[in-house]
Each structure stands twice: as C-alpha cells, then as structure tokens.
Amino acid sequence: MQAYAESKLYVTVLALALARVWPDVLANAVDPGWVPTKMGGPAATGDLEQGYRTQTWLAVSTDAAATVSGAYWYHRRRQPPAPAASDPAFQDQLIGRLATLTGVALF
C-alpha cells in the first residue's frame, strides 16, 4: 500500500511541476476515488462514473473552471494536494531523479 500511495504522490508532483515550468500547458492531477474496478475491487465505495467524469471534463471542456493548470481535483472540485506536491524544491528533486533514471530531461 505504501508504494501505491507514493506512486500517486509522484504523479501529482509531476503534474504540478509541469504546470509550473510549462505555463502554456494545462497539467492537473485527478483523484478518481476508490471505485469498483478490477483494481479497486467490488468493495470500493466510490461511484465509477464520478471516478472518470473529472478527467473527461478537464480534457474537453471550454468551461473557465476546467481550463486551469496546476490543480488537484476530486469529483470536479479543486482540493489541496499533499503539501510536498506543491513544493518546487521537491518537484525539482523528483524531476532530477527521473532524468537520472531515464536519461530524459523534461526541462
């Protein structure tokens, strides 16, 4: 469970870092909730439709609320991300580590 939680943190950090360094690109992070899928299992308490609605809205909407960058979303509502996700120093550290591991520099 720890590795899963850390991977979700890193995805959020990556999205917020991209939004910070590439201001012309819309980059956001979305928490779909615990939904009943093969991964979530039948005991998941979330609504499957609500789980994907935010991603779709952010991808195709021209609504001013959806055309923002650097936000963390849950069911079409902005939420505060984990504090580390918004920390530019932590973002840069992760981007640097990813560049070292992959040989690809994002910026």
C-alpha atoms as a PDB file:
ATOM      1  CA  MET A   1       0.000   0.000   0.000  1.00  0.00           C
ATOM      2  CA  GLN A   2       2.901   2.374   0.756  1.00  0.00           C
ATOM      3  CA  ALA A   3       4.320   2.011  -2.769  1.00  0.00           C
ATOM      4  CA  TYR A   4       0.902   2.740  -4.306  1.00  0.00           C
ATOM      5  CA  ALA A   5       0.459   5.871  -2.182  1.00  0.00           C
ATOM      6  CA  GLU A   6       3.953   7.079  -3.072  1.00  0.00           C
ATOM      7  CA  SER A   7       3.347   6.488  -6.782  1.00  0.00           C
ATOM      8  CA  LYS A   8       0.176   8.627  -6.613  1.00  0.00           C
ATOM      9  CA  LEU A   9       2.132  11.374  -4.824  1.00  0.00           C
ATOM     10  CA  TYR A  10       4.797  11.307  -7.531  1.00  0.00           C
ATOM     11  CA  VAL A  11       2.219  11.520 -10.325  1.00  0.00           C
ATOM     12  CA  THR A  12       0.718  14.561  -8.592  1.00  0.00           C
ATOM     13  CA  VAL A  13       4.155  16.129  -8.109  1.00  0.00           C
ATOM     14  CA  LEU A  14       4.925  15.570 -11.796  1.00  0.00           C
ATOM     15  CA  ALA A  15       1.671  17.193 -12.943  1.00  0.00           C
ATOM     16  CA  LEU A  16       2.150  20.230 -10.712  1.00  0.00           C
ATOM     17  CA  ALA A  17       5.810  20.573 -11.739  1.00  0.00           C
ATOM     18  CA  LEU A  18       4.858  20.512 -15.432  1.00  0.00           C
ATOM     19  CA  ALA A  19       2.217  23.168 -14.793  1.00  0.00           C
ATOM     20  CA  ARG A  20       4.817  25.311 -13.043  1.00  0.00           C
ATOM     21  CA  VAL A  21       7.577  25.093 -15.663  1.00  0.00           C
ATOM     22  CA  TRP A  22       5.378  24.963 -18.773  1.00  0.00           C
ATOM     23  CA  PRO A  23       2.703  27.605 -18.096  1.00  0.00           C
ATOM     24  CA  ASP A  24       1.221  27.257 -21.603  1.00  0.00           C
ATOM     25  CA  VAL A  25       0.399  23.586 -20.980  1.00  0.00           C
ATOM     26  CA  LEU A  26      -2.624  22.540 -18.939  1.00  0.00           C
ATOM     27  CA  ALA A  27      -1.418  19.952 -16.431  1.00  0.00           C
ATOM     28  CA  ASN A  28      -3.520  18.806 -13.490  1.00  0.00           C
ATOM     29  CA  ALA A  29      -3.775  15.824 -11.150  1.00  0.00           C
ATOM     30  CA  VAL A  30      -7.021  13.957 -10.526  1.00  0.00           C
ATOM     31  CA  ASP A  31      -8.060  11.653  -7.701  1.00  0.00           C
ATOM     32  CA  PRO A  32     -10.849   9.439  -9.090  1.00  0.00           C
ATOM     33  CA  GLY A  33     -11.592   7.992  -5.667  1.00  0.00           C
ATOM     34  CA  TRP A  34     -11.807   4.340  -4.684  1.00  0.00           C
ATOM     35  CA  VAL A  35     -14.017   2.962  -7.429  1.00  0.00           C
ATOM     36  CA  PRO A  36     -15.252  -0.569  -8.189  1.00  0.00           C
ATOM     37  CA  THR A  37     -12.888  -1.689 -10.941  1.00  0.00           C
ATOM     38  CA  LYS A  38     -10.647  -4.741 -11.255  1.00  0.00           C
ATOM     39  CA  MET A  39      -8.034  -2.816  -9.294  1.00  0.00           C
ATOM     40  CA  GLY A  40     -10.415  -1.216  -6.786  1.00  0.00           C
ATOM     41  CA  GLY A  41     -12.388  -4.381  -6.247  1.00  0.00           C
ATOM     42  CA  PRO A  42     -16.092  -4.898  -5.588  1.00  0.00           C
ATOM     43  CA  ALA A  43     -15.895  -3.430  -2.066  1.00  0.00           C
ATOM     44  CA  ALA A  44     -14.900   0.010  -3.376  1.00  0.00           C
ATOM     45  CA  THR A  45     -17.280   2.657  -2.107  1.00  0.00           C
ATOM     46  CA  GLY A  46     -16.851   5.250  -4.866  1.00  0.00           C
ATOM     47  CA  ASP A  47     -19.078   5.936  -7.840  1.00  0.00           C
ATOM     48  CA  LEU A  48     -17.452   4.655 -11.038  1.00  0.00           C
ATOM     49  CA  GLU A  49     -18.981   7.425 -13.169  1.00  0.00           C
ATOM     50  CA  GLN A  50     -17.746  10.114 -10.778  1.00  0.00           C
ATOM     51  CA  GLY A  51     -14.349   8.450 -10.986  1.00  0.00           C
ATOM     52  CA  TYR A  52     -13.847   9.378 -14.650  1.00  0.00           C
ATOM     53  CA  ARG A  53     -16.076  12.432 -15.012  1.00  0.00           C
ATOM     54  CA  THR A  54     -13.414  14.902 -13.825  1.00  0.00           C
ATOM     55  CA  GLN A  55     -10.776  13.639 -16.261  1.00  0.00           C
ATOM     56  CA  THR A  56     -13.187  13.925 -19.178  1.00  0.00           C
ATOM     57  CA  TRP A  57     -14.301  17.401 -18.133  1.00  0.00           C
ATOM     58  CA  LEU A  58     -10.718  18.657 -17.830  1.00  0.00           C
ATOM     59  CA  ALA A  59      -9.758  17.155 -21.190  1.00  0.00           C
ATOM     60  CA  VAL A  60     -12.560  18.545 -23.345  1.00  0.00           C
ATOM     61  CA  SER A  61     -14.341  21.378 -21.552  1.00  0.00           C
ATOM     62  CA  THR A  62     -14.010  25.016 -22.531  1.00  0.00           C
ATOM     63  CA  ASP A  63     -15.513  25.983 -19.166  1.00  0.00           C
ATOM     64  CA  ALA A  64     -13.219  28.531 -17.486  1.00  0.00           C
ATOM     65  CA  ALA A  65     -13.145  26.378 -14.351  1.00  0.00           C
ATOM     66  CA  ALA A  66     -11.710  23.467 -16.368  1.00  0.00           C
ATOM     67  CA  THR A  67      -9.096  25.402 -18.323  1.00  0.00           C
ATOM     68  CA  VAL A  68      -6.718  25.861 -15.417  1.00  0.00           C
ATOM     69  CA  SER A  69      -3.384  24.293 -14.720  1.00  0.00           C
ATOM     70  CA  GLY A  70      -1.554  23.117 -11.633  1.00  0.00           C
ATOM     71  CA  ALA A  71      -4.606  21.963  -9.709  1.00  0.00           C
ATOM     72  CA  TYR A  72      -5.533  18.799  -7.853  1.00  0.00           C
ATOM     73  CA  TRP A  73      -9.104  17.606  -8.454  1.00  0.00           C
ATOM     74  CA  TYR A  74     -11.601  15.244  -6.871  1.00  0.00           C
ATOM     75  CA  HIS A  75     -15.069  14.954  -8.429  1.00  0.00           C
ATOM     76  CA  ARG A  76     -14.729  18.239 -10.344  1.00  0.00           C
ATOM     77  CA  ARG A  77     -13.740  20.159  -7.229  1.00  0.00           C
ATOM     78  CA  ARG A  78     -10.307  21.542  -6.525  1.00  0.00           C
ATOM     79  CA  GLN A  79      -8.716  20.040  -3.458  1.00  0.00           C
ATOM     80  CA  PRO A  80      -5.448  20.792  -1.708  1.00  0.00           C
ATOM     81  CA  PRO A  81      -2.806  18.243  -2.712  1.00  0.00           C
ATOM     82  CA  ALA A  82      -0.325  16.741  -0.288  1.00  0.00           C
ATOM     83  CA  PRO A  83       1.969  19.593   0.807  1.00  0.00           C
ATOM     84  CA  ALA A  84       5.035  18.013  -0.816  1.00  0.00           C
ATOM     85  CA  ALA A  85       3.310  18.049  -4.204  1.00  0.00           C
ATOM     86  CA  SER A  86       3.246  21.860  -4.252  1.00  0.00           C
ATOM     87  CA  ASP A  87       6.846  22.270  -3.067  1.00  0.00           C
ATOM     88  CA  PRO A  88       9.012  23.458  -6.017  1.00  0.00           C
ATOM     89  CA  ALA A  89      12.167  22.043  -4.406  1.00  0.00           C
ATOM     90  CA  PHE A  90      10.561  18.603  -4.058  1.00  0.00           C
ATOM     91  CA  GLN A  91       9.223  18.842  -7.616  1.00  0.00           C
ATOM     92  CA  ASP A  92      12.692  19.649  -8.942  1.00  0.00           C
ATOM     93  CA  GLN A  93      14.216  16.818  -6.910  1.00  0.00           C
ATOM     94  CA  LEU A  94      11.752  14.311  -8.394  1.00  0.00           C
ATOM     95  CA  ILE A  95      12.264  15.617 -11.940  1.00  0.00           C
ATOM     96  CA  GLY A  96      16.030  15.350 -11.439  1.00  0.00           C
ATOM     97  CA  ARG A  97      15.755  11.785 -10.165  1.00  0.00           C
ATOM     98  CA  LEU A  98      13.509  10.803 -13.072  1.00  0.00           C
ATOM     99  CA  ALA A  99      16.015  12.324 -15.512  1.00  0.00           C
ATOM    100  CA  THR A 100      18.802  10.298 -13.895  1.00  0.00           C
ATOM    101  CA  LEU A 101      16.783   7.074 -14.077  1.00  0.00           C
ATOM    102  CA  THR A 102      15.514   7.536 -17.637  1.00  0.00           C
ATOM    103  CA  GLY A 103      18.130   9.695 -19.331  1.00  0.00           C
ATOM    104  CA  VAL A 104      15.357  12.108 -20.349  1.00  0.00           C
ATOM    105  CA  ALA A 105      15.414  15.699 -19.094  1.00  0.00           C
ATOM    106  CA  LEU A 106      11.980  17.344 -19.047  1.00  0.00           C
ATOM    107  CA  PHE A 107      13.398  20.843 -18.646  1.00  0.00           C
END
